[in-house]
PDB file of N, CA and C in Angstrom:
ATOM      1  N   UNK A   1      75.396  84.023 117.291  1.00  0.00           N
ATOM      2  CA  UNK A   1      75.801  83.290 118.479  1.00  0.00           C
ATOM      3  C   UNK A   1      76.007  84.259 119.638  1.00  0.00           C
ATOM      4  N   UNK A   2      75.749  83.781 120.820  1.00  0.00           N
ATOM      5  CA  UNK A   2      75.961  84.598 122.016  1.00  0.00           C
ATOM      6  C   UNK A   2      77.457  84.632 122.356  1.00  0.00           C
ATOM      7  N   UNK A   3      77.822  85.567 123.227  1.00  0.00           N
ATOM      8  CA  UNK A   3      79.213  85.671 123.667  1.00  0.00           C
ATOM      9  C   UNK A   3      79.661  84.380 124.349  1.00  0.00           C
ATOM     10  N   UNK A   4      78.762  83.770 125.106  1.00  0.00           N
ATOM     11  CA  UNK A   4      79.105  82.517 125.780  1.00  0.00           C
ATOM     12  C   UNK A   4      79.377  81.403 124.762  1.00  0.00           C
ATOM     13  N   UNK A   5      78.529  81.292 123.751  1.00  0.00           N
ATOM     14  CA  UNK A   5      78.726  80.262 122.717  1.00  0.00           C
ATOM     15  C   UNK A   5      80.010  80.497 121.940  1.00  0.00           C
ATOM     16  N   UNK A   6      80.281  81.744 121.585  1.00  0.00           N
ATOM     17  CA  UNK A   6      81.519  82.064 120.868  1.00  0.00           C
ATOM     18  C   UNK A   6      82.742  81.729 121.717  1.00  0.00           C
ATOM     19  N   UNK A   7      82.668  82.046 122.995  1.00  0.00           N
ATOM     20  CA  UNK A   7      83.786  81.761 123.902  1.00  0.00           C
ATOM     21  C   UNK A   7      84.038  80.262 123.997  1.00  0.00           C
ATOM     22  N   UNK A   8      82.977  79.488 124.089  1.00  0.00           N
ATOM     23  CA  UNK A   8      83.143  78.028 124.158  1.00  0.00           C
ATOM     24  C   UNK A   8      83.665  77.470 122.836  1.00  0.00           C
ATOM     25  N   UNK A   9      83.225  78.020 121.707  1.00  0.00           N
ATOM     26  CA  UNK A   9      83.761  77.579 120.410  1.00  0.00           C
ATOM     27  C   UNK A   9      85.256  77.862 120.322  1.00  0.00           C
ATOM     28  N   UNK A  10      85.661  79.027 120.791  1.00  0.00           N
ATOM     29  CA  UNK A  10      87.085  79.366 120.803  1.00  0.00           C
ATOM     30  C   UNK A  10      87.848  78.387 121.691  1.00  0.00           C
ATOM     31  N   UNK A  11      87.321  78.115 122.867  1.00  0.00           N
ATOM     32  CA  UNK A  11      87.990  77.199 123.805  1.00  0.00           C
ATOM     33  C   UNK A  11      88.165  75.811 123.200  1.00  0.00           C
ATOM     34  N   UNK A  12      87.132  75.310 122.528  1.00  0.00           N
ATOM     35  CA  UNK A  12      87.232  73.988 121.888  1.00  0.00           C
ATOM     36  C   UNK A  12      88.320  74.013 120.816  1.00  0.00           C
ATOM     37  N   UNK A  13      88.332  75.071 120.014  1.00  0.00           N
ATOM     38  CA  UNK A  13      89.354  75.169 118.973  1.00  0.00           C
ATOM     39  C   UNK A  13      90.756  75.245 119.558  1.00  0.00           C
ATOM     40  N   UNK A  14      90.914  75.956 120.663  1.00  0.00           N
ATOM     41  CA  UNK A  14      92.234  76.050 121.288  1.00  0.00           C
ATOM     42  C   UNK A  14      92.712  74.678 121.758  1.00  0.00           C
ATOM     43  N   UNK A  15      91.813  73.876 122.275  1.00  0.00           N
ATOM     44  CA  UNK A  15      92.165  72.508 122.654  1.00  0.00           C
ATOM     45  C   UNK A  15      92.618  71.699 121.452  1.00  0.00           C
ATOM     46  N   UNK A  16      91.912  71.856 120.353  1.00  0.00           N
ATOM     47  CA  UNK A  16      92.308  71.165 119.119  1.00  0.00           C
ATOM     48  C   UNK A  16      93.668  71.655 118.645  1.00  0.00           C
ATOM     49  N   UNK A  17      93.872  72.960 118.680  1.00  0.00           N
ATOM     50  CA  UNK A  17      95.152  73.522 118.244  1.00  0.00           C
ATOM     51  C   UNK A  17      96.305  72.980 119.088  1.00  0.00           C
ATOM     52  N   UNK A  18      96.093  72.908 120.388  1.00  0.00           N
ATOM     53  CA  UNK A  18      97.134  72.352 121.254  1.00  0.00           C
ATOM     54  C   UNK A  18      97.449  70.908 120.916  1.00  0.00           C
ATOM     55  N   UNK A  19      96.392  70.121 120.700  1.00  0.00           N
ATOM     56  CA  UNK A  19      96.596  68.708 120.363  1.00  0.00           C
ATOM     57  C   UNK A  19      97.324  68.559 119.027  1.00  0.00           C
ATOM     58  N   UNK A  20      96.885  69.295 118.032  1.00  0.00           N
ATOM     59  CA  UNK A  20      97.513  69.180 116.709  1.00  0.00           C
ATOM     60  C   UNK A  20      98.940  69.712 116.701  1.00  0.00           C
ATOM     61  N   UNK A  21      99.220  70.706 117.537  1.00  0.00           N
ATOM     62  CA  UNK A  21     100.595  71.186 117.647  1.00  0.00           C
ATOM     63  C   UNK A  21     101.485  70.074 118.184  1.00  0.00           C
ATOM     64  N   UNK A  22     100.984  69.327 119.172  1.00  0.00           N
ATOM     65  CA  UNK A  22     101.747  68.198 119.723  1.00  0.00           C
ATOM     66  C   UNK A  22     101.953  67.099 118.691  1.00  0.00           C
ATOM     67  N   UNK A  23     100.970  66.952 117.787  1.00  0.00           N
ATOM     68  CA  UNK A  23     101.035  65.902 116.762  1.00  0.00           C
ATOM     69  C   UNK A  23     101.718  66.366 115.482  1.00  0.00           C
ATOM     70  N   UNK A  24     102.058  67.648 115.366  1.00  0.00           N
ATOM     71  CA  UNK A  24     102.732  68.174 114.181  1.00  0.00           C
ATOM     72  C   UNK A  24     101.835  68.331 112.961  1.00  0.00           C
ATOM     73  N   UNK A  25     100.549  68.479 113.155  1.00  0.00           N
ATOM     74  CA  UNK A  25      99.601  68.624 112.040  1.00  0.00           C
ATOM     75  C   UNK A  25      99.437  70.103 111.682  1.00  0.00           C
ATOM     76  N   UNK A  26     100.410  70.627 110.925  1.00  0.00           N
ATOM     77  CA  UNK A  26     100.469  72.054 110.632  1.00  0.00           C
ATOM     78  C   UNK A  26      99.304  72.520 109.761  1.00  0.00           C
ATOM     79  N   UNK A  27      98.881  71.734 108.796  1.00  0.00           N
ATOM     80  CA  UNK A  27      97.769  72.149 107.941  1.00  0.00           C
ATOM     81  C   UNK A  27      96.504  72.360 108.760  1.00  0.00           C
ATOM     82  N   UNK A  28      96.242  71.473 109.683  1.00  0.00           N
ATOM     83  CA  UNK A  28      95.075  71.610 110.549  1.00  0.00           C
ATOM     84  C   UNK A  28      95.227  72.847 111.448  1.00  0.00           C
ATOM     85  N   UNK A  29      96.439  73.112 111.891  1.00  0.00           N
ATOM     86  CA  UNK A  29      96.680  74.284 112.725  1.00  0.00           C
ATOM     87  C   UNK A  29      96.263  75.558 112.005  1.00  0.00           C
ATOM     88  N   UNK A  30      96.742  75.713 110.783  1.00  0.00           N
ATOM     89  CA  UNK A  30      96.439  76.925 110.034  1.00  0.00           C
ATOM     90  C   UNK A  30      94.939  77.091 109.818  1.00  0.00           C
ATOM     91  N   UNK A  31      94.271  76.013 109.500  1.00  0.00           N
ATOM     92  CA  UNK A  31      92.825  76.056 109.281  1.00  0.00           C
ATOM     93  C   UNK A  31      92.100  76.527 110.543  1.00  0.00           C
ATOM     94  N   UNK A  32      92.462  75.962 111.682  1.00  0.00           N
ATOM     95  CA  UNK A  32      91.753  76.299 112.911  1.00  0.00           C
ATOM     96  C   UNK A  32      92.219  77.615 113.533  1.00  0.00           C
ATOM     97  N   UNK A  33      93.430  78.051 113.233  1.00  0.00           N
ATOM     98  CA  UNK A  33      93.838  79.384 113.661  1.00  0.00           C
ATOM     99  C   UNK A  33      92.966  80.427 112.966  1.00  0.00           C
ATOM    100  N   UNK A  34      92.722  80.232 111.677  1.00  0.00           N
ATOM    101  CA  UNK A  34      91.861  81.154 110.924  1.00  0.00           C
ATOM    102  C   UNK A  34      90.423  81.126 111.447  1.00  0.00           C
ATOM    103  N   UNK A  35      89.905  79.922 111.665  1.00  0.00           N
ATOM    104  CA  UNK A  35      88.535  79.803 112.171  1.00  0.00           C
ATOM    105  C   UNK A  35      88.402  80.454 113.547  1.00  0.00           C
ATOM    106  N   UNK A  36      89.382  80.222 114.399  1.00  0.00           N
ATOM    107  CA  UNK A  36      89.365  80.799 115.741  1.00  0.00           C
ATOM    108  C   UNK A  36      89.430  82.317 115.666  1.00  0.00           C
ATOM    109  N   UNK A  37      90.232  82.822 114.773  1.00  0.00           N
ATOM    110  CA  UNK A  37      90.320  84.271 114.596  1.00  0.00           C
ATOM    111  C   UNK A  37      88.967  84.849 114.171  1.00  0.00           C
ATOM    112  N   UNK A  38      88.240  84.122 113.346  1.00  0.00           N
ATOM    113  CA  UNK A  38      86.897  84.544 112.956  1.00  0.00           C
ATOM    114  C   UNK A  38      85.963  84.616 114.154  1.00  0.00           C
ATOM    115  N   UNK A  39      86.022  83.612 115.017  1.00  0.00           N
ATOM    116  CA  UNK A  39      85.214  83.631 116.244  1.00  0.00           C
ATOM    117  C   UNK A  39      85.603  84.813 117.138  1.00  0.00           C
ATOM    118  N   UNK A  40      86.897  85.099 117.207  1.00  0.00           N
ATOM    119  CA  UNK A  40      87.373  86.217 118.026  1.00  0.00           C
ATOM    120  C   UNK A  40      86.803  87.533 117.493  1.00  0.00           C
ATOM    121  N   UNK A  41      86.811  87.703 116.183  1.00  0.00           N
ATOM    122  CA  UNK A  41      86.262  88.930 115.593  1.00  0.00           C
ATOM    123  C   UNK A  41      84.769  89.056 115.894  1.00  0.00           C
ATOM    124  N   UNK A  42      84.053  87.948 115.849  1.00  0.00           N
ATOM    125  CA  UNK A  42      82.630  87.980 116.195  1.00  0.00           C
ATOM    126  C   UNK A  42      82.442  88.345 117.666  1.00  0.00           C
ATOM    127  N   UNK A  43      83.295  87.779 118.522  1.00  0.00           N
ATOM    128  CA  UNK A  43      83.186  88.036 119.952  1.00  0.00           C
ATOM    129  C   UNK A  43      83.535  89.486 120.288  1.00  0.00           C
ATOM    130  N   UNK A  44      84.448  90.080 119.518  1.00  0.00           N
ATOM    131  CA  UNK A  44      84.783  91.492 119.725  1.00  0.00           C
ATOM    132  C   UNK A  44      83.538  92.371 119.599  1.00  0.00           C
ATOM    133  N   UNK A  45      82.659  92.011 118.680  1.00  0.00           N
ATOM    134  CA  UNK A  45      81.464  92.809 118.400  1.00  0.00           C
ATOM    135  C   UNK A  45      80.281  92.456 119.298  1.00  0.00           C
ATOM    136  N   UNK A  46      80.332  91.311 119.940  1.00  0.00           N
ATOM    137  CA  UNK A  46      79.213  90.844 120.772  1.00  0.00           C
ATOM    138  C   UNK A  46      79.219  91.556 122.122  1.00  0.00           C
ATOM    139  N   UNK A  47      78.033  91.770 122.688  1.00  0.00           N
ATOM    140  CA  UNK A  47      77.988  92.342 124.043  1.00  0.00           C
ATOM    141  C   UNK A  47      78.572  91.362 125.059  1.00  0.00           C
ATOM    142  N   UNK A  48      79.431  91.896 125.946  1.00  0.00           N
ATOM    143  CA  UNK A  48      80.096  91.071 126.953  1.00  0.00           C
ATOM    144  C   UNK A  48      80.045  91.788 128.293  1.00  0.00           C
ATOM    145  N   UNK A  49      80.122  91.030 129.360  1.00  0.00           N
ATOM    146  CA  UNK A  49      80.180  91.640 130.688  1.00  0.00           C
ATOM    147  C   UNK A  49      81.554  92.291 130.887  1.00  0.00           C
ATOM    148  N   UNK A  50      81.608  93.274 131.749  1.00  0.00           N
ATOM    149  CA  UNK A  50      82.886  93.946 132.022  1.00  0.00           C
ATOM    150  C   UNK A  50      83.875  92.990 132.689  1.00  0.00           C
ATOM    151  N   UNK A  51      83.370  92.064 133.480  1.00  0.00           N
ATOM    152  CA  UNK A  51      84.245  91.070 134.128  1.00  0.00           C
ATOM    153  C   UNK A  51      84.905  90.172 133.096  1.00  0.00           C
ATOM    154  N   UNK A  52      84.177  89.811 132.055  1.00  0.00           N
ATOM    155  CA  UNK A  52      84.743  88.959 131.020  1.00  0.00           C
ATOM    156  C   UNK A  52      85.635  89.756 130.075  1.00  0.00           C
ATOM    157  N   UNK A  53      85.328  91.016 129.855  1.00  0.00           N
ATOM    158  CA  UNK A  53      86.086  91.842 128.905  1.00  0.00           C
ATOM    159  C   UNK A  53      87.576  91.848 129.234  1.00  0.00           C
ATOM    160  N   UNK A  54      87.920  91.930 130.518  1.00  0.00           N
ATOM    161  CA  UNK A  54      89.330  91.934 130.920  1.00  0.00           C
ATOM    162  C   UNK A  54      90.021  90.642 130.480  1.00  0.00           C
ATOM    163  N   UNK A  55      89.369  89.517 130.722  1.00  0.00           N
ATOM    164  CA  UNK A  55      89.923  88.221 130.308  1.00  0.00           C
ATOM    165  C   UNK A  55      90.058  88.174 128.796  1.00  0.00           C
ATOM    166  N   UNK A  56      89.044  88.628 128.099  1.00  0.00           N
ATOM    167  CA  UNK A  56      89.049  88.599 126.642  1.00  0.00           C
ATOM    168  C   UNK A  56      90.180  89.450 126.070  1.00  0.00           C
ATOM    169  N   UNK A  57      90.401  90.615 126.629  1.00  0.00           N
ATOM    170  CA  UNK A  57      91.474  91.488 126.142  1.00  0.00           C
ATOM    171  C   UNK A  57      92.843  90.823 126.294  1.00  0.00           C
ATOM    172  N   UNK A  58      93.076  90.217 127.443  1.00  0.00           N
ATOM    173  CA  UNK A  58      94.354  89.529 127.678  1.00  0.00           C
ATOM    174  C   UNK A  58      94.478  88.337 126.744  1.00  0.00           C
ATOM    175  N   UNK A  59      93.393  87.565 126.599  1.00  0.00           N
ATOM    176  CA  UNK A  59      93.423  86.416 125.702  1.00  0.00           C
ATOM    177  C   UNK A  59      93.737  86.842 124.279  1.00  0.00           C
ATOM    178  N   UNK A  60      93.041  87.866 123.791  1.00  0.00           N
ATOM    179  CA  UNK A  60      93.217  88.303 122.401  1.00  0.00           C
ATOM    180  C   UNK A  60      94.672  88.690 122.143  1.00  0.00           C
ATOM    181  N   UNK A  61      95.289  89.390 123.078  1.00  0.00           N
ATOM    182  CA  UNK A  61      96.692  89.780 122.948  1.00  0.00           C
ATOM    183  C   UNK A  61      97.593  88.539 122.891  1.00  0.00           C
ATOM    184  N   UNK A  62      97.348  87.585 123.794  1.00  0.00           N
ATOM    185  CA  UNK A  62      98.146  86.352 123.811  1.00  0.00           C
ATOM    186  C   UNK A  62      97.926  85.521 122.555  1.00  0.00           C
ATOM    187  N   UNK A  63      96.679  85.425 122.100  1.00  0.00           N
ATOM    188  CA  UNK A  63      96.379  84.649 120.897  1.00  0.00           C
ATOM    189  C   UNK A  63      97.115  85.224 119.697  1.00  0.00           C
ATOM    190  N   UNK A  64      97.130  86.544 119.559  1.00  0.00           N
ATOM    191  CA  UNK A  64      97.827  87.159 118.426  1.00  0.00           C
ATOM    192  C   UNK A  64      99.315  86.853 118.459  1.00  0.00           C
ATOM    193  N   UNK A  65      99.911  86.873 119.640  1.00  0.00           N
ATOM    194  CA  UNK A  65     101.330  86.521 119.768  1.00  0.00           C
ATOM    195  C   UNK A  65     101.564  85.064 119.369  1.00  0.00           C
ATOM    196  N   UNK A  66     100.706  84.178 119.865  1.00  0.00           N
ATOM    197  CA  UNK A  66     100.854  82.752 119.556  1.00  0.00           C
ATOM    198  C   UNK A  66     100.637  82.487 118.065  1.00  0.00           C
ATOM    199  N   UNK A  67      99.644  83.142 117.488  1.00  0.00           N
ATOM    200  CA  UNK A  67      99.335  82.949 116.070  1.00  0.00           C
ATOM    201  C   UNK A  67     100.518  83.352 115.199  1.00  0.00           C
ATOM    202  N   UNK A  68     101.209  84.399 115.593  1.00  0.00           N
ATOM    203  CA  UNK A  68     102.338  84.897 114.803  1.00  0.00           C
ATOM    204  C   UNK A  68     103.656  84.218 115.145  1.00  0.00           C
ATOM    205  N   UNK A  69     103.650  83.396 116.185  1.00  0.00           N
ATOM    206  CA  UNK A  69     104.849  82.657 116.583  1.00  0.00           C
ATOM    207  C   UNK A  69     105.007  81.448 115.668  1.00  0.00           C
ATOM    208  N   UNK A  70     106.090  81.416 114.948  1.00  0.00           N
ATOM    209  CA  UNK A  70     106.309  80.315 113.995  1.00  0.00           C
ATOM    210  C   UNK A  70     106.943  79.081 114.653  1.00  0.00           C
ATOM    211  N   UNK A  71     107.301  79.191 115.924  1.00  0.00           N
ATOM    212  CA  UNK A  71     107.881  78.055 116.638  1.00  0.00           C
ATOM    213  C   UNK A  71     106.758  77.314 117.361  1.00  0.00           C
ATOM    214  N   UNK A  72     106.188  76.335 116.668  1.00  0.00           N
ATOM    215  CA  UNK A  72     105.090  75.542 117.231  1.00  0.00           C
ATOM    216  C   UNK A  72     105.720  74.371 117.996  1.00  0.00           C
ATOM    217  N   UNK A  73     105.754  74.502 119.320  1.00  0.00           N
ATOM    218  CA  UNK A  73     106.396  73.480 120.142  1.00  0.00           C
ATOM    219  C   UNK A  73     105.505  73.155 121.342  1.00  0.00           C
ATOM    220  N   UNK A  74     106.039  72.428 122.287  1.00  0.00           N
ATOM    221  CA  UNK A  74     105.263  72.015 123.458  1.00  0.00           C
ATOM    222  C   UNK A  74     104.806  73.214 124.285  1.00  0.00           C
ATOM    223  N   UNK A  75     105.626  74.242 124.391  1.00  0.00           N
ATOM    224  CA  UNK A  75     105.244  75.432 125.152  1.00  0.00           C
ATOM    225  C   UNK A  75     104.078  76.152 124.471  1.00  0.00           C
ATOM    226  N   UNK A  76     104.107  76.208 123.149  1.00  0.00           N
ATOM    227  CA  UNK A  76     103.025  76.819 122.366  1.00  0.00           C
ATOM    228  C   UNK A  76     101.730  76.047 122.599  1.00  0.00           C
ATOM    229  N   UNK A  77     101.824  74.733 122.512  1.00  0.00           N
ATOM    230  CA  UNK A  77     100.650  73.881 122.728  1.00  0.00           C
ATOM    231  C   UNK A  77     100.110  74.060 124.147  1.00  0.00           C
ATOM    232  N   UNK A  78     100.990  74.127 125.123  1.00  0.00           N
ATOM    233  CA  UNK A  78     100.573  74.294 126.518  1.00  0.00           C
ATOM    234  C   UNK A  78      99.831  75.616 126.722  1.00  0.00           C
ATOM    235  N   UNK A  79     100.263  76.665 126.063  1.00  0.00           N
ATOM    236  CA  UNK A  79      99.553  77.944 126.167  1.00  0.00           C
ATOM    237  C   UNK A  79      98.154  77.838 125.563  1.00  0.00           C
ATOM    238  N   UNK A  80      98.016  77.098 124.454  1.00  0.00           N
ATOM    239  CA  UNK A  80      96.698  76.905 123.864  1.00  0.00           C
ATOM    240  C   UNK A  80      95.800  76.131 124.834  1.00  0.00           C
ATOM    241  N   UNK A  81      96.342  75.087 125.450  1.00  0.00           N
ATOM    242  CA  UNK A  81      95.574  74.311 126.431  1.00  0.00           C
ATOM    243  C   UNK A  81      95.180  75.178 127.631  1.00  0.00           C
ATOM    244  N   UNK A  82      96.100  76.005 128.083  1.00  0.00           N
ATOM    245  CA  UNK A  82      95.834  76.870 129.228  1.00  0.00           C
ATOM    246  C   UNK A  82      94.698  77.841 128.926  1.00  0.00           C
ATOM    247  N   UNK A  83      94.750  78.476 127.762  1.00  0.00           N
ATOM    248  CA  UNK A  83      93.685  79.406 127.391  1.00  0.00           C
ATOM    249  C   UNK A  83      92.367  78.691 127.146  1.00  0.00           C
ATOM    250  N   UNK A  84      92.409  77.493 126.614  1.00  0.00           N
ATOM    251  CA  UNK A  84      91.171  76.718 126.440  1.00  0.00           C
ATOM    252  C   UNK A  84      90.512  76.508 127.797  1.00  0.00           C
ATOM    253  N   UNK A  85      91.301  76.173 128.793  1.00  0.00           N
ATOM    254  CA  UNK A  85      90.790  75.952 130.146  1.00  0.00           C
ATOM    255  C   UNK A  85      90.241  77.248 130.749  1.00  0.00           C
ATOM    256  N   UNK A  86      90.991  78.317 130.636  1.00  0.00           N
ATOM    257  CA  UNK A  86      90.562  79.600 131.197  1.00  0.00           C
ATOM    258  C   UNK A  86      89.235  80.034 130.562  1.00  0.00           C
ATOM    259  N   UNK A  87      89.160  79.993 129.237  1.00  0.00           N
ATOM    260  CA  UNK A  87      87.951  80.454 128.552  1.00  0.00           C
ATOM    261  C   UNK A  87      86.745  79.558 128.847  1.00  0.00           C
ATOM    262  N   UNK A  88      86.984  78.272 129.000  1.00  0.00           N
ATOM    263  CA  UNK A  88      85.887  77.369 129.346  1.00  0.00           C
ATOM    264  C   UNK A  88      85.269  77.786 130.683  1.00  0.00           C
ATOM    265  N   UNK A  89      86.119  78.095 131.651  1.00  0.00           N
ATOM    266  CA  UNK A  89      85.628  78.479 132.973  1.00  0.00           C
ATOM    267  C   UNK A  89      85.044  79.883 133.006  1.00  0.00           C
ATOM    268  N   UNK A  90      85.559  80.762 132.175  1.00  0.00           N
ATOM    269  CA  UNK A  90      85.092  82.149 132.185  1.00  0.00           C
ATOM    270  C   UNK A  90      83.901  82.383 131.251  1.00  0.00           C
ATOM    271  N   UNK A  91      83.546  81.413 130.423  1.00  0.00           N
ATOM    272  CA  UNK A  91      82.478  81.593 129.439  1.00  0.00           C
ATOM    273  C   UNK A  91      81.164  81.981 130.101  1.00  0.00           C
ATOM    274  N   UNK A  92      80.903  81.478 131.283  1.00  0.00           N
ATOM    275  CA  UNK A  92      79.634  81.806 131.940  1.00  0.00           C
ATOM    276  C   UNK A  92      79.562  83.277 132.313  1.00  0.00           C
ATOM    277  N   UNK A  93      80.693  83.958 132.362  1.00  0.00           N
ATOM    278  CA  UNK A  93      80.719  85.396 132.667  1.00  0.00           C
ATOM    279  C   UNK A  93      80.545  86.258 131.426  1.00  0.00           C
ATOM    280  N   UNK A  94      80.698  85.636 130.265  1.00  0.00           N
ATOM    281  CA  UNK A  94      80.645  86.399 129.009  1.00  0.00           C
ATOM    282  C   UNK A  94      79.316  87.093 128.922  1.00  0.00           C
TER     283      UNK A  94
END
């Protein structure tokens, strides 16, 4: 997959994670956190533009914090939605 496709897959998953966090579907959260992490690892190895690399580095740091945060609440979900939006718009730069 290209960097753009991987970025869009991550963004879609983040939207799902935000929705499921709001609905309290923890099993689905864990499944998609793992899948998203797999996409992130693939994207780390994919060629990316320097403009996108900055966004990706910040996202990866935030995602790791969120993934390790055991308090899944509205603020957690909102951060997932925010990153889904950012990555959707920045994917064309990947």
